[in-house]
């Protein structure tokens, strides 16, 4: 929403955001698990769509596929940040052992950690864009015509994104009910159109 408000590209921003939200819906942080960083992939996609002024769903989907792996980079950066903060926390605990609580002058480690995360993620985003912009330019020059001929629409892209929704169900019984509903809907559709 923030990107769309800044750029005015509501017609491309929201469909892309919906896809990534659906696709990564099943993956959420629990305990020490760090899921792929969907917003990193979303931001790189939106930046490339804006740079190349893409409007057609097939071309935007190509860029989305190109940028989806950057979500793994985002989670790797978060993992490294957590490792660093664990070390800072351990040093803080060792420093505080034996000291009185009132004499703690270490300060709050949250602010430096936040600044560090912003700097690292901004640098990573800049590096990714330095690599992706020329590659995307080359790719679009070579496959634009063929990709535009594909019958790719936003509803079809969102249906692909619902893989994440289906995986989030996490129950065989729910999967069975879902498949039965799809089968019944397919049979109903066939009966209505066969007559």
C-alpha atoms as a PDB file:
ATOM      1  CA  UNK A   1       0.000   0.000   0.000  1.00  0.00           C
ATOM      2  CA  UNK A   2       2.857   2.361   0.864  1.00  0.00           C
ATOM      3  CA  UNK A   3       4.614   1.689  -2.463  1.00  0.00           C
ATOM      4  CA  UNK A   4       1.359   2.168  -4.387  1.00  0.00           C
ATOM      5  CA  UNK A   5       0.655   5.418  -2.565  1.00  0.00           C
ATOM      6  CA  UNK A   6       4.143   6.735  -3.381  1.00  0.00           C
ATOM      7  CA  UNK A   7       4.218   5.667  -7.027  1.00  0.00           C
ATOM      8  CA  UNK A   8       0.520   5.774  -7.884  1.00  0.00           C
ATOM      9  CA  UNK A   9       0.813   2.305  -9.464  1.00  0.00           C
ATOM     10  CA  UNK A  10      -2.148   0.706  -7.709  1.00  0.00           C
ATOM     11  CA  UNK A  11      -3.061  -1.473 -10.722  1.00  0.00           C
ATOM     12  CA  UNK A  12       0.297  -3.304 -10.618  1.00  0.00           C
ATOM     13  CA  UNK A  13       1.349  -3.008  -6.970  1.00  0.00           C
ATOM     14  CA  UNK A  14      -1.673  -4.605  -5.346  1.00  0.00           C
ATOM     15  CA  UNK A  15      -1.890  -7.678  -7.621  1.00  0.00           C
ATOM     16  CA  UNK A  16       1.828  -8.390  -7.076  1.00  0.00           C
ATOM     17  CA  UNK A  17       1.474  -7.914  -3.313  1.00  0.00           C
ATOM     18  CA  UNK A  18      -1.543 -10.247  -3.226  1.00  0.00           C
ATOM     19  CA  UNK A  19       0.420 -12.975  -5.019  1.00  0.00           C
ATOM     20  CA  UNK A  20       3.394 -12.822  -2.651  1.00  0.00           C
ATOM     21  CA  UNK A  21       1.108 -12.663   0.387  1.00  0.00           C
ATOM     22  CA  UNK A  22      -0.722 -15.798  -0.773  1.00  0.00           C
ATOM     23  CA  UNK A  23       2.454 -17.612  -1.818  1.00  0.00           C
ATOM     24  CA  UNK A  24       4.282 -17.103   1.489  1.00  0.00           C
ATOM     25  CA  UNK A  25       1.166 -17.477   3.679  1.00  0.00           C
ATOM     26  CA  UNK A  26       2.198 -20.919   4.920  1.00  0.00           C
ATOM     27  CA  UNK A  27       5.604 -19.743   6.103  1.00  0.00           C
ATOM     28  CA  UNK A  28       5.679 -17.783   9.333  1.00  0.00           C
ATOM     29  CA  UNK A  29       8.351 -17.483  12.008  1.00  0.00           C
ATOM     30  CA  UNK A  30       7.922 -19.851  14.928  1.00  0.00           C
ATOM     31  CA  UNK A  31      10.746 -20.214  17.424  1.00  0.00           C
ATOM     32  CA  UNK A  32      14.043 -20.248  15.585  1.00  0.00           C
ATOM     33  CA  UNK A  33      12.581 -20.873  12.103  1.00  0.00           C
ATOM     34  CA  UNK A  34      13.107 -17.943   9.745  1.00  0.00           C
ATOM     35  CA  UNK A  35      10.823 -18.172   6.697  1.00  0.00           C
ATOM     36  CA  UNK A  36      11.662 -16.710   3.282  1.00  0.00           C
ATOM     37  CA  UNK A  37      11.398 -12.927   3.395  1.00  0.00           C
ATOM     38  CA  UNK A  38       8.431 -12.265   1.116  1.00  0.00           C
ATOM     39  CA  UNK A  39       8.624  -8.464   1.410  1.00  0.00           C
ATOM     40  CA  UNK A  40      12.192  -8.549   0.029  1.00  0.00           C
ATOM     41  CA  UNK A  41      10.962 -10.370  -3.084  1.00  0.00           C
ATOM     42  CA  UNK A  42       7.972  -8.030  -3.314  1.00  0.00           C
ATOM     43  CA  UNK A  43      10.143  -4.908  -3.119  1.00  0.00           C
ATOM     44  CA  UNK A  44      12.587  -6.118  -5.766  1.00  0.00           C
ATOM     45  CA  UNK A  45       9.675  -7.023  -8.045  1.00  0.00           C
ATOM     46  CA  UNK A  46       7.985  -3.656  -7.605  1.00  0.00           C
ATOM     47  CA  UNK A  47      11.262  -1.815  -8.198  1.00  0.00           C
ATOM     48  CA  UNK A  48      11.893  -3.695 -11.452  1.00  0.00           C
ATOM     49  CA  UNK A  49       8.283  -3.242 -12.596  1.00  0.00           C
ATOM     50  CA  UNK A  50       8.667   0.482 -11.946  1.00  0.00           C
ATOM     51  CA  UNK A  51      12.082   0.739 -13.664  1.00  0.00           C
ATOM     52  CA  UNK A  52      10.918  -1.041 -16.817  1.00  0.00           C
ATOM     53  CA  UNK A  53       7.379   0.448 -16.696  1.00  0.00           C
ATOM     54  CA  UNK A  54       5.720  -2.943 -17.031  1.00  0.00           C
ATOM     55  CA  UNK A  55       1.932  -3.076 -17.186  1.00  0.00           C
ATOM     56  CA  UNK A  56       1.069  -6.476 -18.706  1.00  0.00           C
ATOM     57  CA  UNK A  57       0.484  -9.403 -16.340  1.00  0.00           C
ATOM     58  CA  UNK A  58       2.686 -11.897 -18.271  1.00  0.00           C
ATOM     59  CA  UNK A  59       5.734  -9.612 -18.120  1.00  0.00           C
ATOM     60  CA  UNK A  60       5.151  -8.748 -14.478  1.00  0.00           C
ATOM     61  CA  UNK A  61       4.812 -12.450 -13.677  1.00  0.00           C
ATOM     62  CA  UNK A  62       8.153 -13.107 -15.384  1.00  0.00           C
ATOM     63  CA  UNK A  63       9.749 -10.488 -13.134  1.00  0.00           C
ATOM     64  CA  UNK A  64       8.000 -11.996 -10.091  1.00  0.00           C
ATOM     65  CA  UNK A  65       9.505 -15.399 -10.894  1.00  0.00           C
ATOM     66  CA  UNK A  66      12.898 -13.767 -11.307  1.00  0.00           C
ATOM     67  CA  UNK A  67      12.637 -11.988  -7.950  1.00  0.00           C
ATOM     68  CA  UNK A  68      11.054 -14.779  -5.863  1.00  0.00           C
ATOM     69  CA  UNK A  69      14.448 -16.320  -4.905  1.00  0.00           C
ATOM     70  CA  UNK A  70      15.477 -13.033  -3.296  1.00  0.00           C
ATOM     71  CA  UNK A  71      13.127 -13.987  -0.456  1.00  0.00           C
ATOM     72  CA  UNK A  72      15.717 -16.593   0.514  1.00  0.00           C
ATOM     73  CA  UNK A  73      18.398 -13.903   0.613  1.00  0.00           C
ATOM     74  CA  UNK A  74      16.205 -11.850   2.934  1.00  0.00           C
ATOM     75  CA  UNK A  75      15.802 -14.769   5.351  1.00  0.00           C
ATOM     76  CA  UNK A  76      19.554 -15.453   5.230  1.00  0.00           C
ATOM     77  CA  UNK A  77      20.263 -11.837   6.150  1.00  0.00           C
ATOM     78  CA  UNK A  78      17.827 -12.087   9.048  1.00  0.00           C
ATOM     79  CA  UNK A  79      19.543 -15.284  10.224  1.00  0.00           C
ATOM     80  CA  UNK A  80      22.939 -13.557  10.189  1.00  0.00           C
ATOM     81  CA  UNK A  81      21.463 -10.584  12.054  1.00  0.00           C
ATOM     82  CA  UNK A  82      20.038 -12.897  14.719  1.00  0.00           C
ATOM     83  CA  UNK A  83      23.394 -14.652  15.110  1.00  0.00           C
ATOM     84  CA  UNK A  84      25.094 -11.303  15.611  1.00  0.00           C
ATOM     85  CA  UNK A  85      22.484 -10.199  18.133  1.00  0.00           C
ATOM     86  CA  UNK A  86      22.832 -13.484  20.035  1.00  0.00           C
ATOM     87  CA  UNK A  87      26.551 -12.750  20.383  1.00  0.00           C
ATOM     88  CA  UNK A  88      25.795  -9.191  21.579  1.00  0.00           C
ATOM     89  CA  UNK A  89      23.305 -10.550  24.111  1.00  0.00           C
ATOM     90  CA  UNK A  90      25.809 -13.119  25.381  1.00  0.00           C
ATOM     91  CA  UNK A  91      28.466 -10.419  25.827  1.00  0.00           C
ATOM     92  CA  UNK A  92      25.948  -8.247  27.648  1.00  0.00           C
ATOM     93  CA  UNK A  93      25.089 -11.104  30.029  1.00  0.00           C
ATOM     94  CA  UNK A  94      28.768 -11.786  30.709  1.00  0.00           C
ATOM     95  CA  UNK A  95      29.396  -8.107  31.383  1.00  0.00           C
ATOM     96  CA  UNK A  96      26.463  -7.875  33.772  1.00  0.00           C
ATOM     97  CA  UNK A  97      27.435 -10.941  35.834  1.00  0.00           C
ATOM     98  CA  UNK A  98      28.488  -9.763  39.218  1.00  0.00           C
ATOM     99  CA  UNK A  99      27.502  -6.168  38.518  1.00  0.00           C
ATOM    100  CA  UNK A 100      24.690  -4.465  40.337  1.00  0.00           C
ATOM    101  CA  UNK A 101      21.608  -3.820  38.164  1.00  0.00           C
ATOM    102  CA  UNK A 102      21.746  -0.076  38.855  1.00  0.00           C
ATOM    103  CA  UNK A 103      25.295   0.239  37.442  1.00  0.00           C
ATOM    104  CA  UNK A 104      24.376  -1.058  33.979  1.00  0.00           C
ATOM    105  CA  UNK A 105      25.626   1.475  31.442  1.00  0.00           C
ATOM    106  CA  UNK A 106      25.457  -0.777  28.384  1.00  0.00           C
ATOM    107  CA  UNK A 107      22.317   0.871  27.065  1.00  0.00           C
ATOM    108  CA  UNK A 108      19.547  -0.636  25.013  1.00  0.00           C
ATOM    109  CA  UNK A 109      20.901  -2.884  22.218  1.00  0.00           C
ATOM    110  CA  UNK A 110      17.667  -2.638  20.191  1.00  0.00           C
ATOM    111  CA  UNK A 111      18.405   0.693  18.500  1.00  0.00           C
ATOM    112  CA  UNK A 112      21.858  -0.291  17.167  1.00  0.00           C
ATOM    113  CA  UNK A 113      20.409  -3.636  16.004  1.00  0.00           C
ATOM    114  CA  UNK A 114      17.646  -1.838  14.113  1.00  0.00           C
ATOM    115  CA  UNK A 115      20.102   0.547  12.444  1.00  0.00           C
ATOM    116  CA  UNK A 116      22.348  -2.389  11.552  1.00  0.00           C
ATOM    117  CA  UNK A 117      19.419  -4.316  10.020  1.00  0.00           C
ATOM    118  CA  UNK A 118      18.389  -1.278   7.945  1.00  0.00           C
ATOM    119  CA  UNK A 119      21.932  -0.747   6.648  1.00  0.00           C
ATOM    120  CA  UNK A 120      22.463  -4.439   5.819  1.00  0.00           C
ATOM    121  CA  UNK A 121      19.103  -4.840   4.080  1.00  0.00           C
ATOM    122  CA  UNK A 122      19.532  -1.610   2.123  1.00  0.00           C
ATOM    123  CA  UNK A 123      22.996  -2.673   0.949  1.00  0.00           C
ATOM    124  CA  UNK A 124      21.696  -6.132  -0.007  1.00  0.00           C
ATOM    125  CA  UNK A 125      18.774  -4.592  -1.909  1.00  0.00           C
ATOM    126  CA  UNK A 126      21.162  -2.282  -3.794  1.00  0.00           C
ATOM    127  CA  UNK A 127      23.424  -5.227  -4.706  1.00  0.00           C
ATOM    128  CA  UNK A 128      20.474  -7.312  -5.888  1.00  0.00           C
ATOM    129  CA  UNK A 129      19.202  -4.440  -8.016  1.00  0.00           C
ATOM    130  CA  UNK A 130      22.662  -3.878  -9.533  1.00  0.00           C
ATOM    131  CA  UNK A 131      22.562  -7.514 -10.679  1.00  0.00           C
ATOM    132  CA  UNK A 132      18.900  -7.788 -11.613  1.00  0.00           C
ATOM    133  CA  UNK A 133      18.406  -4.581 -13.596  1.00  0.00           C
ATOM    134  CA  UNK A 134      20.806  -5.451 -16.450  1.00  0.00           C
ATOM    135  CA  UNK A 135      19.730  -9.098 -16.431  1.00  0.00           C
ATOM    136  CA  UNK A 136      16.043  -8.153 -16.554  1.00  0.00           C
ATOM    137  CA  UNK A 137      16.749  -5.702 -19.367  1.00  0.00           C
ATOM    138  CA  UNK A 138      18.510  -8.430 -21.361  1.00  0.00           C
ATOM    139  CA  UNK A 139      15.758 -10.953 -20.602  1.00  0.00           C
ATOM    140  CA  UNK A 140      12.962  -8.604 -21.637  1.00  0.00           C
ATOM    141  CA  UNK A 141      14.719  -7.767 -24.885  1.00  0.00           C
ATOM    142  CA  UNK A 142      14.947 -11.461 -25.767  1.00  0.00           C
ATOM    143  CA  UNK A 143      11.633 -12.913 -24.567  1.00  0.00           C
ATOM    144  CA  UNK A 144       9.154 -10.002 -24.335  1.00  0.00           C
ATOM    145  CA  UNK A 145       7.217 -10.959 -27.461  1.00  0.00           C
ATOM    146  CA  UNK A 146       6.934 -14.633 -26.567  1.00  0.00           C
ATOM    147  CA  UNK A 147       5.939 -13.936 -22.969  1.00  0.00           C
ATOM    148  CA  UNK A 148       3.237 -11.466 -24.033  1.00  0.00           C
ATOM    149  CA  UNK A 149       1.638 -14.194 -26.151  1.00  0.00           C
ATOM    150  CA  UNK A 150       1.085 -16.381 -23.071  1.00  0.00           C
ATOM    151  CA  UNK A 151      -2.474 -16.347 -21.683  1.00  0.00           C
ATOM    152  CA  UNK A 152      -1.387 -15.300 -18.182  1.00  0.00           C
ATOM    153  CA  UNK A 153      -3.910 -13.272 -16.178  1.00  0.00           C
ATOM    154  CA  UNK A 154      -3.943 -12.017 -12.599  1.00  0.00           C
ATOM    155  CA  UNK A 155      -6.561 -14.562 -11.460  1.00  0.00           C
ATOM    156  CA  UNK A 156      -4.358 -17.371 -12.837  1.00  0.00           C
ATOM    157  CA  UNK A 157      -1.318 -15.900 -11.054  1.00  0.00           C
ATOM    158  CA  UNK A 158      -3.252 -15.671  -7.794  1.00  0.00           C
ATOM    159  CA  UNK A 159      -4.411 -19.272  -8.193  1.00  0.00           C
ATOM    160  CA  UNK A 160      -0.747 -20.260  -8.416  1.00  0.00           C
ATOM    161  CA  UNK A 161      -0.125 -18.235  -5.272  1.00  0.00           C
ATOM    162  CA  UNK A 162      -2.787 -20.193  -3.412  1.00  0.00           C
ATOM    163  CA  UNK A 163      -0.318 -23.070  -3.183  1.00  0.00           C
ATOM    164  CA  UNK A 164       0.877 -21.296  -0.047  1.00  0.00           C
ATOM    165  CA  UNK A 165      -2.698 -21.110   1.239  1.00  0.00           C
ATOM    166  CA  UNK A 166      -3.255 -24.828   0.636  1.00  0.00           C
ATOM    167  CA  UNK A 167      -0.024 -25.711   2.418  1.00  0.00           C
ATOM    168  CA  UNK A 168      -1.103 -23.635   5.414  1.00  0.00           C
ATOM    169  CA  UNK A 169      -4.098 -25.937   6.007  1.00  0.00           C
ATOM    170  CA  UNK A 170      -1.727 -28.570   7.516  1.00  0.00           C
ATOM    171  CA  UNK A 171      -4.350 -31.280   7.959  1.00  0.00           C
ATOM    172  CA  UNK A 172      -5.012 -34.395   5.873  1.00  0.00           C
ATOM    173  CA  UNK A 173      -8.691 -34.169   6.645  1.00  0.00           C
ATOM    174  CA  UNK A 174      -8.838 -30.585   5.378  1.00  0.00           C
ATOM    175  CA  UNK A 175      -6.852 -31.567   2.263  1.00  0.00           C
ATOM    176  CA  UNK A 176      -9.320 -34.412   1.645  1.00  0.00           C
ATOM    177  CA  UNK A 177     -12.308 -32.082   2.066  1.00  0.00           C
ATOM    178  CA  UNK A 178     -10.712 -29.534  -0.236  1.00  0.00           C
ATOM    179  CA  UNK A 179     -10.016 -32.124  -2.948  1.00  0.00           C
ATOM    180  CA  UNK A 180     -13.567 -33.484  -2.608  1.00  0.00           C
ATOM    181  CA  UNK A 181     -14.951 -29.945  -2.997  1.00  0.00           C
ATOM    182  CA  UNK A 182     -12.786 -29.344  -6.073  1.00  0.00           C
ATOM    183  CA  UNK A 183     -13.941 -32.677  -7.534  1.00  0.00           C
ATOM    184  CA  UNK A 184     -17.624 -31.878  -6.876  1.00  0.00           C
ATOM    185  CA  UNK A 185     -17.232 -28.382  -8.319  1.00  0.00           C
ATOM    186  CA  UNK A 186     -15.558 -29.867 -11.407  1.00  0.00           C
ATOM    187  CA  UNK A 187     -18.346 -32.407 -11.817  1.00  0.00           C
ATOM    188  CA  UNK A 188     -20.988 -29.689 -11.415  1.00  0.00           C
ATOM    189  CA  UNK A 189     -19.249 -27.498 -13.972  1.00  0.00           C
ATOM    190  CA  UNK A 190     -19.001 -30.418 -16.407  1.00  0.00           C
ATOM    191  CA  UNK A 191     -22.679 -31.329 -15.962  1.00  0.00           C
ATOM    192  CA  UNK A 192     -23.834 -27.747 -16.522  1.00  0.00           C
ATOM    193  CA  UNK A 193     -21.751 -27.291 -19.655  1.00  0.00           C
ATOM    194  CA  UNK A 194     -22.290 -30.782 -21.067  1.00  0.00           C
ATOM    195  CA  UNK A 195     -26.055 -30.301 -21.243  1.00  0.00           C
END
